[in-house]
Protein backbone atom coordinates (compact mmCIF):
# COMPACT_ATOMS: atom_id res chain seq x y z
CA UNK A 1 -3.20 -10.90 -13.14
CA UNK A 2 0.58 -10.92 -13.11
CA UNK A 3 2.90 -11.08 -10.15
CA UNK A 4 6.47 -9.75 -9.94
CA UNK A 5 8.65 -11.34 -7.26
CA UNK A 6 12.27 -10.87 -6.20
CA UNK A 7 15.07 -13.44 -6.25
CA UNK A 8 14.62 -14.35 -2.58
CA UNK A 9 10.82 -14.59 -2.61
CA UNK A 10 9.51 -18.14 -2.26
CA UNK A 11 7.83 -19.79 -5.22
CA UNK A 12 4.48 -21.49 -4.78
CA UNK A 13 4.76 -25.26 -5.31
CA UNK A 14 1.81 -25.04 -7.71
CA UNK A 15 3.76 -22.85 -10.14
CA UNK A 16 5.52 -24.47 -13.08
CA UNK A 17 8.84 -22.87 -14.05
CA UNK A 18 9.57 -22.34 -17.75
CA UNK A 19 12.71 -21.24 -19.56
CA UNK A 20 11.49 -20.60 -23.12
CA UNK A 21 8.49 -19.22 -24.97
CA UNK A 22 7.40 -22.61 -26.36
CA UNK A 23 7.60 -24.10 -22.87
CA UNK A 24 5.52 -21.23 -21.46
CA UNK A 25 2.89 -21.72 -24.17
CA UNK A 26 2.70 -25.47 -23.55
CA UNK A 27 2.34 -25.06 -19.79
CA UNK A 28 -0.33 -22.37 -20.18
CA UNK A 29 -2.29 -24.61 -22.55
CA UNK A 30 -2.09 -27.31 -19.88
CA UNK A 31 -3.69 -24.91 -17.39
CA UNK A 32 -0.63 -24.30 -15.22
CA UNK A 33 0.47 -21.06 -13.56
CA UNK A 34 3.84 -20.31 -15.13
CA UNK A 35 6.86 -18.74 -13.41
CA UNK A 36 9.70 -17.29 -15.49
CA UNK A 37 13.01 -15.85 -14.32
CA UNK A 38 13.95 -12.65 -16.13
CA UNK A 39 17.50 -11.77 -17.29
CA UNK A 40 19.70 -9.49 -15.18
CA UNK A 41 20.03 -6.77 -17.82
CA UNK A 42 17.25 -4.20 -17.35
CA UNK A 43 16.42 -3.79 -21.05
CA UNK A 44 16.40 -7.54 -21.64
CA UNK A 45 14.24 -8.08 -18.55
CA UNK A 46 11.60 -5.63 -19.80
CA UNK A 47 11.50 -7.16 -23.28
CA UNK A 48 11.44 -10.73 -21.94
CA UNK A 49 8.65 -9.88 -19.48
CA UNK A 50 6.46 -8.51 -22.29
CA UNK A 51 7.13 -11.55 -24.51
CA UNK A 52 6.51 -14.08 -21.72
CA UNK A 53 3.34 -12.25 -20.65
CA UNK A 54 2.08 -12.35 -24.23
CA UNK A 55 2.69 -16.13 -24.21
CA UNK A 56 0.68 -16.45 -20.98
CA UNK A 57 3.18 -16.46 -18.10
CA UNK A 58 1.79 -14.88 -14.94
CA UNK A 59 4.62 -14.90 -12.37
CA UNK A 60 7.89 -13.09 -13.09
CA UNK A 61 11.03 -13.36 -10.97
CA UNK A 62 13.46 -10.47 -11.27
CA UNK A 63 17.14 -10.92 -10.53
CA UNK A 64 17.26 -7.85 -8.28
CA UNK A 65 15.32 -7.39 -5.04
CA UNK A 66 12.76 -4.61 -5.23
CA UNK A 67 14.59 -2.76 -2.45
CA UNK A 68 17.94 -2.53 -4.28
CA UNK A 69 16.67 -1.98 -7.85
CA UNK A 70 13.15 -0.54 -7.58
CA UNK A 71 13.37 1.01 -11.04
CA UNK A 72 13.78 -2.38 -12.71
CA UNK A 73 10.76 -3.81 -10.91
CA UNK A 74 8.69 -0.73 -11.77
CA UNK A 75 9.64 -0.90 -15.45
CA UNK A 76 8.88 -4.62 -15.61
CA UNK A 77 5.51 -3.97 -13.94
CA UNK A 78 4.77 -1.20 -16.48
CA UNK A 79 5.62 -3.53 -19.40
CA UNK A 80 3.39 -6.25 -17.92
CA UNK A 81 0.49 -3.82 -17.44
CA UNK A 82 0.86 -2.60 -21.03
CA UNK A 83 0.89 -6.16 -22.37
CA UNK A 84 -2.20 -7.08 -20.36
CA UNK A 85 -3.99 -4.00 -21.72
CA UNK A 86 -3.04 -4.93 -25.30
CA UNK A 87 -4.37 -8.45 -24.72
CA UNK A 88 -7.64 -7.07 -23.32
CA UNK A 89 -7.14 -8.55 -19.85
CA UNK A 90 -7.30 -5.13 -18.16
CA UNK A 91 -8.33 -1.62 -19.12
CA UNK A 92 -5.57 0.73 -20.27
CA UNK A 93 -4.08 3.03 -17.66
CA UNK A 94 -5.00 6.06 -19.79
CA UNK A 95 -7.44 6.19 -22.70
CA UNK A 96 -7.45 9.11 -25.12
CA UNK A 97 -9.65 9.80 -28.09
CA UNK A 98 -8.58 11.88 -31.03
CA UNK A 99 -11.15 14.63 -31.37
CA UNK A 100 -9.28 16.97 -33.68
């Protein structure tokens, strides 16, 4: 399960903060819960969230509070849900079969 938090939300002392994909991978292999801070640009934040989630990060801090930029938080959440579905950690939001 992934968690998206805002810039002012407190971080759990048990979380390890990472700044790169190799660092995320190493911390995940060590069994830690990894927190990453996403870039301010919306497009970069979505892409970074998907990449970090693929590497195993589970807590994502956005640079905008959910109240001022709800679209960014929603798009990051959607990217995280899609990545989790691709990894098999959750069922897809919508499954279709081609029955042509």
